[in-house]
């Protein structure tokens, strides 16, 4: 049962975990232009800078 909840298992399926300023990113309202994002995938991390933010419906 513990293996099913292993985050690495989910990352290997194509999911990722993104953080901004050390906090889990769950909404575009948390970020602004030029913020640095850290995205974790199963085999490493991607560091990126926001250039444009599109909010659903706008």
N, C-alpha and C. Protein backbone atom coordinates (compact mmCIF):
# COMPACT_ATOMS: atom_id res chain seq x y z
N UNK A 1 0.82 -1.19 0.00
CA UNK A 1 0.00 0.00 0.00
C UNK A 1 0.87 1.26 0.00
N UNK A 2 1.96 1.21 0.74
CA UNK A 2 2.86 2.37 0.81
C UNK A 2 3.45 2.67 -0.56
N UNK A 3 3.77 1.66 -1.33
CA UNK A 3 4.35 1.85 -2.66
C UNK A 3 3.38 2.59 -3.58
N UNK A 4 2.09 2.38 -3.43
CA UNK A 4 1.10 3.05 -4.26
C UNK A 4 1.08 4.55 -4.02
N UNK A 5 1.43 4.99 -2.81
CA UNK A 5 1.43 6.40 -2.47
C UNK A 5 2.79 7.07 -2.71
N UNK A 6 3.76 6.33 -3.21
CA UNK A 6 5.10 6.87 -3.44
C UNK A 6 5.04 7.97 -4.51
N UNK A 7 5.44 9.20 -4.18
CA UNK A 7 5.40 10.30 -5.16
C UNK A 7 6.23 10.02 -6.41
N UNK A 8 7.34 9.33 -6.29
CA UNK A 8 8.18 9.03 -7.45
C UNK A 8 7.40 8.18 -8.45
N UNK A 9 6.58 7.28 -7.97
CA UNK A 9 5.75 6.44 -8.85
C UNK A 9 4.83 7.32 -9.71
N UNK A 10 4.24 8.34 -9.10
CA UNK A 10 3.38 9.25 -9.85
C UNK A 10 4.18 10.11 -10.82
N UNK A 11 5.37 10.54 -10.40
CA UNK A 11 6.22 11.34 -11.28
C UNK A 11 6.61 10.54 -12.52
N UNK A 12 6.86 9.24 -12.37
CA UNK A 12 7.22 8.39 -13.51
C UNK A 12 6.06 8.22 -14.49
N UNK A 13 4.84 8.50 -14.05
CA UNK A 13 3.68 8.42 -14.93
C UNK A 13 3.46 9.71 -15.72
N UNK A 14 4.30 10.72 -15.49
CA UNK A 14 4.20 11.96 -16.24
C UNK A 14 3.73 13.15 -15.43
N UNK A 15 3.42 12.95 -14.18
CA UNK A 15 3.04 14.06 -13.34
C UNK A 15 4.28 14.82 -12.90
N UNK A 16 4.08 16.05 -12.43
CA UNK A 16 5.20 16.84 -11.93
C UNK A 16 4.73 17.62 -10.71
N UNK A 17 5.70 18.14 -9.97
CA UNK A 17 5.44 18.97 -8.79
C UNK A 17 6.14 20.30 -9.03
N UNK A 18 5.37 21.38 -8.99
CA UNK A 18 5.95 22.70 -9.23
C UNK A 18 5.83 23.55 -7.97
N UNK A 19 6.92 24.24 -7.66
CA UNK A 19 6.97 25.13 -6.50
C UNK A 19 7.40 26.52 -6.94
N UNK A 20 6.91 27.50 -6.21
CA UNK A 20 7.34 28.89 -6.37
C UNK A 20 7.65 29.41 -4.98
N UNK A 21 8.82 29.97 -4.82
CA UNK A 21 9.28 30.47 -3.51
C UNK A 21 9.17 29.40 -2.43
N UNK A 22 9.44 28.15 -2.78
CA UNK A 22 9.44 27.05 -1.83
C UNK A 22 8.06 26.53 -1.47
N UNK A 23 7.00 27.08 -2.09
CA UNK A 23 5.64 26.64 -1.81
C UNK A 23 5.06 25.90 -3.00
N UNK A 24 4.25 24.90 -2.73
CA UNK A 24 3.60 24.13 -3.77
C UNK A 24 2.71 25.04 -4.60
N UNK A 25 2.85 24.98 -5.92
CA UNK A 25 2.06 25.81 -6.81
C UNK A 25 0.74 25.11 -7.12
N UNK A 26 -0.36 25.73 -6.73
CA UNK A 26 -1.68 25.15 -6.98
C UNK A 26 -2.59 26.10 -7.75
N UNK A 27 -2.16 27.36 -7.94
CA UNK A 27 -2.99 28.35 -8.63
C UNK A 27 -2.10 29.39 -9.31
N UNK A 28 -2.57 29.88 -10.47
CA UNK A 28 -1.82 30.94 -11.14
C UNK A 28 -1.81 32.23 -10.32
N UNK A 29 -2.73 32.33 -9.37
CA UNK A 29 -2.75 33.52 -8.50
C UNK A 29 -1.52 33.62 -7.61
N UNK A 30 -0.78 32.53 -7.47
CA UNK A 30 0.42 32.52 -6.62
C UNK A 30 1.65 33.09 -7.32
N UNK A 31 1.58 33.30 -8.63
CA UNK A 31 2.78 33.70 -9.37
C UNK A 31 2.57 35.02 -10.10
N UNK A 32 3.70 35.63 -10.45
CA UNK A 32 3.69 36.85 -11.26
C UNK A 32 4.83 36.75 -12.26
N UNK A 33 4.88 37.65 -13.20
CA UNK A 33 5.95 37.65 -14.20
C UNK A 33 7.32 37.68 -13.52
N UNK A 34 8.24 36.95 -14.09
CA UNK A 34 9.63 36.85 -13.64
C UNK A 34 9.83 36.05 -12.36
N UNK A 35 8.80 35.36 -11.87
CA UNK A 35 9.00 34.44 -10.75
C UNK A 35 9.79 33.23 -11.21
N UNK A 36 10.58 32.67 -10.32
CA UNK A 36 11.35 31.46 -10.63
C UNK A 36 10.58 30.26 -10.12
N UNK A 37 10.30 29.32 -11.01
CA UNK A 37 9.57 28.10 -10.68
C UNK A 37 10.52 26.91 -10.70
N UNK A 38 10.33 26.00 -9.78
CA UNK A 38 11.09 24.75 -9.76
C UNK A 38 10.09 23.62 -9.98
N UNK A 39 10.28 22.87 -11.06
CA UNK A 39 9.39 21.76 -11.40
C UNK A 39 10.14 20.46 -11.25
N UNK A 40 9.63 19.59 -10.42
CA UNK A 40 10.26 18.29 -10.20
C UNK A 40 9.56 17.24 -11.06
N UNK A 41 10.35 16.53 -11.84
CA UNK A 41 9.89 15.37 -12.60
C UNK A 41 10.64 14.17 -12.05
N UNK A 42 10.35 12.99 -12.54
CA UNK A 42 10.90 11.79 -11.88
C UNK A 42 12.42 11.72 -11.92
N UNK A 43 13.06 12.30 -12.94
CA UNK A 43 14.52 12.14 -13.04
C UNK A 43 15.30 13.44 -12.84
N UNK A 44 14.66 14.48 -12.29
CA UNK A 44 15.39 15.71 -12.03
C UNK A 44 14.47 16.90 -11.85
N UNK A 45 15.04 18.09 -11.93
CA UNK A 45 14.30 19.33 -11.74
C UNK A 45 14.50 20.25 -12.94
N UNK A 46 13.49 21.07 -13.16
CA UNK A 46 13.54 22.08 -14.21
C UNK A 46 13.34 23.43 -13.52
N UNK A 47 14.26 24.36 -13.77
CA UNK A 47 14.15 25.71 -13.22
C UNK A 47 13.72 26.61 -14.37
N UNK A 48 12.65 27.37 -14.16
CA UNK A 48 12.14 28.23 -15.22
C UNK A 48 11.71 29.58 -14.66
N UNK A 49 11.56 30.55 -15.55
CA UNK A 49 11.13 31.89 -15.18
C UNK A 49 9.83 32.18 -15.92
N UNK A 50 8.83 32.69 -15.21
CA UNK A 50 7.55 32.99 -15.86
C UNK A 50 7.69 34.21 -16.74
N UNK A 51 7.10 34.12 -17.93
CA UNK A 51 7.09 35.25 -18.85
C UNK A 51 5.69 35.78 -19.07
N UNK A 52 4.72 34.85 -19.06
CA UNK A 52 3.34 35.23 -19.29
C UNK A 52 2.45 34.29 -18.51
N UNK A 53 1.39 34.82 -17.94
CA UNK A 53 0.46 34.00 -17.15
C UNK A 53 -0.92 34.12 -17.79
N UNK A 54 -1.50 33.00 -18.15
CA UNK A 54 -2.85 32.96 -18.70
C UNK A 54 -3.77 32.30 -17.67
N UNK A 55 -4.81 33.00 -17.29
CA UNK A 55 -5.76 32.46 -16.34
C UNK A 55 -6.97 31.93 -17.12
N UNK A 56 -7.51 30.79 -16.71
CA UNK A 56 -8.67 30.20 -17.39
C UNK A 56 -9.78 31.24 -17.52
N UNK A 57 -10.35 31.34 -18.72
CA UNK A 57 -11.48 32.23 -18.93
C UNK A 57 -11.09 33.68 -19.15
N UNK A 58 -9.80 33.98 -19.18
CA UNK A 58 -9.37 35.38 -19.37
C UNK A 58 -8.29 35.49 -20.39
